[in-house]
Amino acid sequence: MPKSIDDYYAKGIKVELIELKDPEEIVLKLLDNHTTISGNYTGVGYKMLEAWRDNKTRLGKKPILVLKYTNKHGTEVYDIQGKIHFKLIGNTVEHPITIAISDCKDTFYPTFAMIDCMYLGLEAWNAELNRAYQALGGDNNSELKKAQLAWMKYRDAQAALIRKEYGNSDGTMWRLIVVDAIVHMTEQQAKLLHAISRKSPY
């Protein structure tokens, strides 16, 4: 069982650059399971990324990159030669955290292990939430701080309700349901703040 989502992505996952939709959007495909990830990127110019892709194609090679996710830095993508390096920012479709949680649950099937997988995801979504919060000004943004405190109160109340309703039920599956609900709420709030910071549709 990985200790954090950082361990899951420690070796990186190979992805193929499928499409550059516009100067800020990219589509990648994970080579191991063909899952497609798309989102905005930063840290490399569009022309440089386009030239790198076209050069690989001219040489008859697939434009292969390595994707990593860490709680500290989020989603980073690079080529093994070190010529290309960028971050996926904001909301991605399909998010690396979601992929890691799903793969972890498939690998560590007993329910108590699946709960641990969800907690890895919760830690990661909390990191994403903090990243989006800081991008909007953090505690210096009084309206943001007020809204975030209200959301935390809402989250805790919802979690308390779910625990009350399922807490007396037999079996560890009910604990999984509680954690899953908290993860989902945190994910949605992180995505909302990312959308606001990017001024893009939720």
C-alpha atoms as a PDB file:
ATOM      1  CA  MET A   1       0.000   0.000   0.000  1.00  0.00           C
ATOM      2  CA  PRO A   2       1.500   3.379  -0.979  1.00  0.00           C
ATOM      3  CA  LYS A   3       1.956   5.850   1.886  1.00  0.00           C
ATOM      4  CA  SER A   4       0.826   8.760  -0.259  1.00  0.00           C
ATOM      5  CA  ILE A   5      -0.192   9.520  -3.821  1.00  0.00           C
ATOM      6  CA  ASP A   6       3.435  10.587  -4.362  1.00  0.00           C
ATOM      7  CA  ASP A   7       4.446   6.921  -4.017  1.00  0.00           C
ATOM      8  CA  TYR A   8       1.866   5.864  -6.614  1.00  0.00           C
ATOM      9  CA  TYR A   9       3.382   8.185  -9.211  1.00  0.00           C
ATOM     10  CA  ALA A  10       6.999   7.882  -7.999  1.00  0.00           C
ATOM     11  CA  LYS A  11       8.231   6.215 -11.203  1.00  0.00           C
ATOM     12  CA  GLY A  12       5.997   8.308 -13.419  1.00  0.00           C
ATOM     13  CA  ILE A  13       3.464   7.064 -15.950  1.00  0.00           C
ATOM     14  CA  LYS A  14       4.160   7.194 -19.664  1.00  0.00           C
ATOM     15  CA  VAL A  15       1.664   9.235 -21.663  1.00  0.00           C
ATOM     16  CA  GLU A  16       1.343  10.028 -25.340  1.00  0.00           C
ATOM     17  CA  LEU A  17       0.682  13.567 -26.494  1.00  0.00           C
ATOM     18  CA  ILE A  18      -2.494  13.177 -28.523  1.00  0.00           C
ATOM     19  CA  GLU A  19      -3.595  16.722 -29.282  1.00  0.00           C
ATOM     20  CA  LEU A  20      -2.851  20.378 -28.668  1.00  0.00           C
ATOM     21  CA  LYS A  21      -6.311  21.916 -28.767  1.00  0.00           C
ATOM     22  CA  ASP A  22      -5.200  25.520 -28.376  1.00  0.00           C
ATOM     23  CA  PRO A  23      -2.258  27.393 -26.856  1.00  0.00           C
ATOM     24  CA  GLU A  24      -3.271  26.332 -23.347  1.00  0.00           C
ATOM     25  CA  GLU A  25      -5.035  22.971 -23.653  1.00  0.00           C
ATOM     26  CA  ILE A  26      -3.566  19.527 -24.166  1.00  0.00           C
ATOM     27  CA  VAL A  27      -4.811  15.936 -24.476  1.00  0.00           C
ATOM     28  CA  LEU A  28      -2.677  13.064 -23.165  1.00  0.00           C
ATOM     29  CA  LYS A  29      -3.254   9.304 -23.190  1.00  0.00           C
ATOM     30  CA  LEU A  30      -1.895   6.992 -20.500  1.00  0.00           C
ATOM     31  CA  LEU A  31      -0.143   4.158 -22.294  1.00  0.00           C
ATOM     32  CA  ASP A  32      -0.825   1.507 -19.653  1.00  0.00           C
ATOM     33  CA  ASN A  33      -4.625   1.750 -19.663  1.00  0.00           C
ATOM     34  CA  HIS A  34      -5.456   4.175 -22.515  1.00  0.00           C
ATOM     35  CA  THR A  35      -7.175   6.632 -20.157  1.00  0.00           C
ATOM     36  CA  THR A  36      -7.285  10.120 -21.660  1.00  0.00           C
ATOM     37  CA  ILE A  37      -6.351  13.179 -19.597  1.00  0.00           C
ATOM     38  CA  SER A  38      -7.048  16.660 -20.908  1.00  0.00           C
ATOM     39  CA  GLY A  39      -6.601  20.068 -19.356  1.00  0.00           C
ATOM     40  CA  ASN A  40      -4.751  23.365 -19.340  1.00  0.00           C
ATOM     41  CA  TYR A  41      -0.980  23.530 -19.058  1.00  0.00           C
ATOM     42  CA  THR A  42       1.673  26.054 -18.088  1.00  0.00           C
ATOM     43  CA  GLY A  43       5.452  26.185 -18.048  1.00  0.00           C
ATOM     44  CA  VAL A  44       6.173  25.651 -21.746  1.00  0.00           C
ATOM     45  CA  GLY A  45       5.268  27.665 -24.819  1.00  0.00           C
ATOM     46  CA  TYR A  46       2.741  26.359 -27.320  1.00  0.00           C
ATOM     47  CA  LYS A  47       5.172  26.696 -30.259  1.00  0.00           C
ATOM     48  CA  MET A  48       7.916  24.818 -28.433  1.00  0.00           C
ATOM     49  CA  LEU A  49       5.554  21.990 -27.495  1.00  0.00           C
ATOM     50  CA  GLU A  50       4.158  21.866 -31.032  1.00  0.00           C
ATOM     51  CA  ALA A  51       7.664  21.769 -32.540  1.00  0.00           C
ATOM     52  CA  TRP A  52       8.700  18.970 -30.162  1.00  0.00           C
ATOM     53  CA  ARG A  53       5.634  16.917 -31.110  1.00  0.00           C
ATOM     54  CA  ASP A  54       6.092  17.526 -34.853  1.00  0.00           C
ATOM     55  CA  ASN A  55       9.769  16.581 -34.675  1.00  0.00           C
ATOM     56  CA  LYS A  56       8.932  13.266 -32.981  1.00  0.00           C
ATOM     57  CA  THR A  57       6.293  12.583 -35.622  1.00  0.00           C
ATOM     58  CA  ARG A  58       8.713  13.320 -38.485  1.00  0.00           C
ATOM     59  CA  LEU A  59      11.160  10.833 -36.979  1.00  0.00           C
ATOM     60  CA  GLY A  60       8.421   8.208 -36.915  1.00  0.00           C
ATOM     61  CA  LYS A  61       8.235   8.221 -33.121  1.00  0.00           C
ATOM     62  CA  LYS A  62       5.276   8.698 -30.836  1.00  0.00           C
ATOM     63  CA  PRO A  63       5.521  11.881 -28.740  1.00  0.00           C
ATOM     64  CA  ILE A  64       5.901  10.114 -25.371  1.00  0.00           C
ATOM     65  CA  LEU A  65       6.067  12.010 -22.077  1.00  0.00           C
ATOM     66  CA  VAL A  66       6.137  11.054 -18.397  1.00  0.00           C
ATOM     67  CA  LEU A  67       3.406  12.184 -16.008  1.00  0.00           C
ATOM     68  CA  LYS A  68       3.849  12.505 -12.245  1.00  0.00           C
ATOM     69  CA  TYR A  69       1.600  13.778  -9.498  1.00  0.00           C
ATOM     70  CA  THR A  70       2.721  14.927  -6.048  1.00  0.00           C
ATOM     71  CA  ASN A  71       0.788  16.594  -3.266  1.00  0.00           C
ATOM     72  CA  LYS A  72       3.333  19.424  -3.214  1.00  0.00           C
ATOM     73  CA  HIS A  73       3.550  20.230  -6.935  1.00  0.00           C
ATOM     74  CA  GLY A  74       0.415  18.776  -8.509  1.00  0.00           C
ATOM     75  CA  THR A  75       0.568  17.276 -12.004  1.00  0.00           C
ATOM     76  CA  GLU A  76       3.887  17.572 -13.846  1.00  0.00           C
ATOM     77  CA  VAL A  77       4.682  16.268 -17.325  1.00  0.00           C
ATOM     78  CA  TYR A  78       8.114  15.993 -18.939  1.00  0.00           C
ATOM     79  CA  ASP A  79      10.127  14.117 -21.551  1.00  0.00           C
ATOM     80  CA  ILE A  80      13.025  11.923 -20.468  1.00  0.00           C
ATOM     81  CA  GLN A  81      15.541  14.107 -22.340  1.00  0.00           C
ATOM     82  CA  GLY A  82      14.543  17.052 -20.179  1.00  0.00           C
ATOM     83  CA  LYS A  83      13.666  19.303 -23.119  1.00  0.00           C
ATOM     84  CA  ILE A  84       9.983  19.569 -22.258  1.00  0.00           C
ATOM     85  CA  HIS A  85       8.540  20.213 -18.793  1.00  0.00           C
ATOM     86  CA  PHE A  86       5.148  21.649 -17.884  1.00  0.00           C
ATOM     87  CA  LYS A  87       2.337  21.438 -15.363  1.00  0.00           C
ATOM     88  CA  LEU A  88      -1.297  20.553 -15.846  1.00  0.00           C
ATOM     89  CA  ILE A  89      -3.267  23.189 -13.976  1.00  0.00           C
ATOM     90  CA  GLY A  90      -6.844  23.733 -12.928  1.00  0.00           C
ATOM     91  CA  ASN A  91      -9.349  20.988 -13.623  1.00  0.00           C
ATOM     92  CA  THR A  92      -8.342  18.070 -15.773  1.00  0.00           C
ATOM     93  CA  VAL A  93     -10.497  15.401 -17.359  1.00  0.00           C
ATOM     94  CA  GLU A  94      -9.693  12.564 -16.006  1.00  0.00           C
ATOM     95  CA  HIS A  95      -7.765  13.759 -12.956  1.00  0.00           C
ATOM     96  CA  PRO A  96      -4.579  11.895 -11.881  1.00  0.00           C
ATOM     97  CA  ILE A  97      -5.941  11.701  -8.325  1.00  0.00           C
ATOM     98  CA  THR A  98      -9.073   9.915  -9.540  1.00  0.00           C
ATOM     99  CA  ILE A  99      -6.963   7.502 -11.585  1.00  0.00           C
ATOM    100  CA  ALA A 100      -4.723   6.739  -8.595  1.00  0.00           C
ATOM    101  CA  ILE A 101      -7.671   6.120  -6.251  1.00  0.00           C
ATOM    102  CA  SER A 102      -9.331   3.785  -8.758  1.00  0.00           C
ATOM    103  CA  ASP A 103      -6.147   1.809  -9.441  1.00  0.00           C
ATOM    104  CA  CYS A 104      -5.346   1.606  -5.728  1.00  0.00           C
ATOM    105  CA  LYS A 105      -8.814   0.221  -4.932  1.00  0.00           C
ATOM    106  CA  ASP A 106      -8.504  -2.318  -7.757  1.00  0.00           C
ATOM    107  CA  THR A 107      -5.119  -3.467  -6.429  1.00  0.00           C
ATOM    108  CA  PHE A 108      -5.879  -3.517  -2.700  1.00  0.00           C
ATOM    109  CA  TYR A 109      -9.326  -5.004  -2.733  1.00  0.00           C
ATOM    110  CA  PRO A 110     -10.264  -5.810   0.911  1.00  0.00           C
ATOM    111  CA  THR A 111     -12.514  -3.017   2.144  1.00  0.00           C
ATOM    112  CA  PHE A 112     -10.166  -1.780   4.877  1.00  0.00           C
ATOM    113  CA  ALA A 113      -7.429  -1.370   2.238  1.00  0.00           C
ATOM    114  CA  MET A 114      -9.843   0.426  -0.091  1.00  0.00           C
ATOM    115  CA  ILE A 115     -10.542   2.857   2.761  1.00  0.00           C
ATOM    116  CA  ASP A 116      -6.806   3.558   2.970  1.00  0.00           C
ATOM    117  CA  CYS A 117      -6.843   4.254  -0.788  1.00  0.00           C
ATOM    118  CA  MET A 118      -9.618   6.795  -0.289  1.00  0.00           C
ATOM    119  CA  TYR A 119      -7.599   8.526   2.432  1.00  0.00           C
ATOM    120  CA  LEU A 120      -4.678   8.844  -0.009  1.00  0.00           C
ATOM    121  CA  GLY A 121      -7.095  10.536  -2.386  1.00  0.00           C
ATOM    122  CA  LEU A 122      -8.462  12.772   0.358  1.00  0.00           C
ATOM    123  CA  GLU A 123      -4.954  13.948   1.228  1.00  0.00           C
ATOM    124  CA  ALA A 124      -4.314  14.732  -2.439  1.00  0.00           C
ATOM    125  CA  TRP A 125      -7.626  16.575  -2.938  1.00  0.00           C
ATOM    126  CA  ASN A 126      -6.921  18.608   0.194  1.00  0.00           C
ATOM    127  CA  ALA A 127      -3.576  19.579  -1.372  1.00  0.00           C
ATOM    128  CA  GLU A 128      -5.381  20.570  -4.596  1.00  0.00           C
ATOM    129  CA  LEU A 129      -7.908  22.556  -2.579  1.00  0.00           C
ATOM    130  CA  ASN A 130      -5.127  24.436  -0.807  1.00  0.00           C
ATOM    131  CA  ARG A 131      -3.350  25.063  -4.130  1.00  0.00           C
ATOM    132  CA  ALA A 132      -6.521  26.584  -5.610  1.00  0.00           C
ATOM    133  CA  TYR A 133      -7.183  28.554  -2.409  1.00  0.00           C
ATOM    134  CA  GLN A 134      -3.696  30.082  -2.491  1.00  0.00           C
ATOM    135  CA  ALA A 135      -4.045  30.890  -6.206  1.00  0.00           C
ATOM    136  CA  LEU A 136      -7.070  33.025  -5.313  1.00  0.00           C
ATOM    137  CA  GLY A 137      -5.175  34.952  -2.644  1.00  0.00           C
ATOM    138  CA  GLY A 138      -5.580  32.651   0.342  1.00  0.00           C
ATOM    139  CA  ASP A 139      -6.378  34.322   3.650  1.00  0.00           C
ATOM    140  CA  ASN A 140      -5.693  37.749   2.105  1.00  0.00           C
ATOM    141  CA  ASN A 141      -8.897  37.367   0.075  1.00  0.00           C
ATOM    142  CA  SER A 142     -11.543  38.083   2.717  1.00  0.00           C
ATOM    143  CA  GLU A 143     -14.517  36.878   0.638  1.00  0.00           C
ATOM    144  CA  LEU A 144     -12.675  33.682  -0.261  1.00  0.00           C
ATOM    145  CA  LYS A 145     -11.756  33.038   3.377  1.00  0.00           C
ATOM    146  CA  LYS A 146     -15.363  33.613   4.456  1.00  0.00           C
ATOM    147  CA  ALA A 147     -16.662  31.243   1.779  1.00  0.00           C
ATOM    148  CA  GLN A 148     -14.077  28.584   2.586  1.00  0.00           C
ATOM    149  CA  LEU A 149     -14.853  28.648   6.311  1.00  0.00           C
ATOM    150  CA  ALA A 150     -18.553  28.297   5.482  1.00  0.00           C
ATOM    151  CA  TRP A 151     -17.778  25.356   3.183  1.00  0.00           C
ATOM    152  CA  MET A 152     -15.700  23.645   5.883  1.00  0.00           C
ATOM    153  CA  LYS A 153     -18.608  23.992   8.305  1.00  0.00           C
ATOM    154  CA  TYR A 154     -20.932  22.502   5.669  1.00  0.00           C
ATOM    155  CA  ARG A 155     -18.502  19.635   4.961  1.00  0.00           C
ATOM    156  CA  ASP A 156     -18.145  18.761   8.636  1.00  0.00           C
ATOM    157  CA  ALA A 157     -21.921  18.842   9.162  1.00  0.00           C
ATOM    158  CA  GLN A 158     -22.501  16.591   6.160  1.00  0.00           C
ATOM    159  CA  ALA A 159     -19.811  14.183   7.351  1.00  0.00           C
ATOM    160  CA  ALA A 160     -21.386  14.099  10.816  1.00  0.00           C
ATOM    161  CA  LEU A 161     -24.782  13.316   9.309  1.00  0.00           C
ATOM    162  CA  ILE A 162     -23.394  10.500   7.158  1.00  0.00           C
ATOM    163  CA  ARG A 163     -21.470   9.031  10.088  1.00  0.00           C
ATOM    164  CA  LYS A 164     -24.620   9.143  12.229  1.00  0.00           C
ATOM    165  CA  GLU A 165     -26.708   7.379   9.576  1.00  0.00           C
ATOM    166  CA  TYR A 166     -24.138   4.719   8.705  1.00  0.00           C
ATOM    167  CA  GLY A 167     -22.027   4.594  11.862  1.00  0.00           C
ATOM    168  CA  ASN A 168     -24.062   1.872  13.587  1.00  0.00           C
ATOM    169  CA  SER A 169     -24.236  -0.379  10.515  1.00  0.00           C
ATOM    170  CA  ASP A 170     -22.235  -3.582  10.488  1.00  0.00           C
ATOM    171  CA  GLY A 171     -19.324  -4.028   8.089  1.00  0.00           C
ATOM    172  CA  THR A 172     -16.423  -1.879   6.939  1.00  0.00           C
ATOM    173  CA  MET A 173     -18.223  -1.046   3.671  1.00  0.00           C
ATOM    174  CA  TRP A 174     -20.133   1.694   5.513  1.00  0.00           C
ATOM    175  CA  ARG A 175     -16.863   3.326   6.583  1.00  0.00           C
ATOM    176  CA  LEU A 176     -15.863   3.336   2.920  1.00  0.00           C
ATOM    177  CA  ILE A 177     -19.105   5.140   2.042  1.00  0.00           C
ATOM    178  CA  VAL A 178     -18.405   7.839   4.658  1.00  0.00           C
ATOM    179  CA  VAL A 179     -14.850   8.471   3.447  1.00  0.00           C
ATOM    180  CA  ASP A 180     -15.980   8.418  -0.189  1.00  0.00           C
ATOM    181  CA  ALA A 181     -18.532  11.162   0.558  1.00  0.00           C
ATOM    182  CA  ILE A 182     -15.879  13.368   2.209  1.00  0.00           C
ATOM    183  CA  VAL A 183     -13.493  12.807  -0.703  1.00  0.00           C
ATOM    184  CA  HIS A 184     -16.224  13.739  -3.181  1.00  0.00           C
ATOM    185  CA  MET A 185     -17.065  16.965  -1.334  1.00  0.00           C
ATOM    186  CA  THR A 186     -13.404  17.961  -1.156  1.00  0.00           C
ATOM    187  CA  GLU A 187     -12.877  17.172  -4.846  1.00  0.00           C
ATOM    188  CA  GLN A 188     -15.861  19.302  -5.873  1.00  0.00           C
ATOM    189  CA  GLN A 189     -14.708  22.254  -3.774  1.00  0.00           C
ATOM    190  CA  ALA A 190     -11.166  22.027  -5.154  1.00  0.00           C
ATOM    191  CA  LYS A 191     -12.523  21.972  -8.703  1.00  0.00           C
ATOM    192  CA  LEU A 192     -14.809  24.920  -7.989  1.00  0.00           C
ATOM    193  CA  LEU A 193     -11.936  27.058  -6.673  1.00  0.00           C
ATOM    194  CA  HIS A 194      -9.699  26.009  -9.575  1.00  0.00           C
ATOM    195  CA  ALA A 195     -12.450  27.030 -12.013  1.00  0.00           C
ATOM    196  CA  ILE A 196     -12.809  30.416 -10.298  1.00  0.00           C
ATOM    197  CA  SER A 197      -9.057  31.017 -10.328  1.00  0.00           C
ATOM    198  CA  ARG A 198      -8.870  30.101 -14.023  1.00  0.00           C
ATOM    199  CA  LYS A 199     -12.080  32.034 -14.814  1.00  0.00           C
ATOM    200  CA  SER A 200     -13.260  28.982 -16.692  1.00  0.00           C
ATOM    201  CA  PRO A 201     -16.519  26.984 -16.622  1.00  0.00           C
ATOM    202  CA  TYR A 202     -16.856  24.655 -13.649  1.00  0.00           C
END
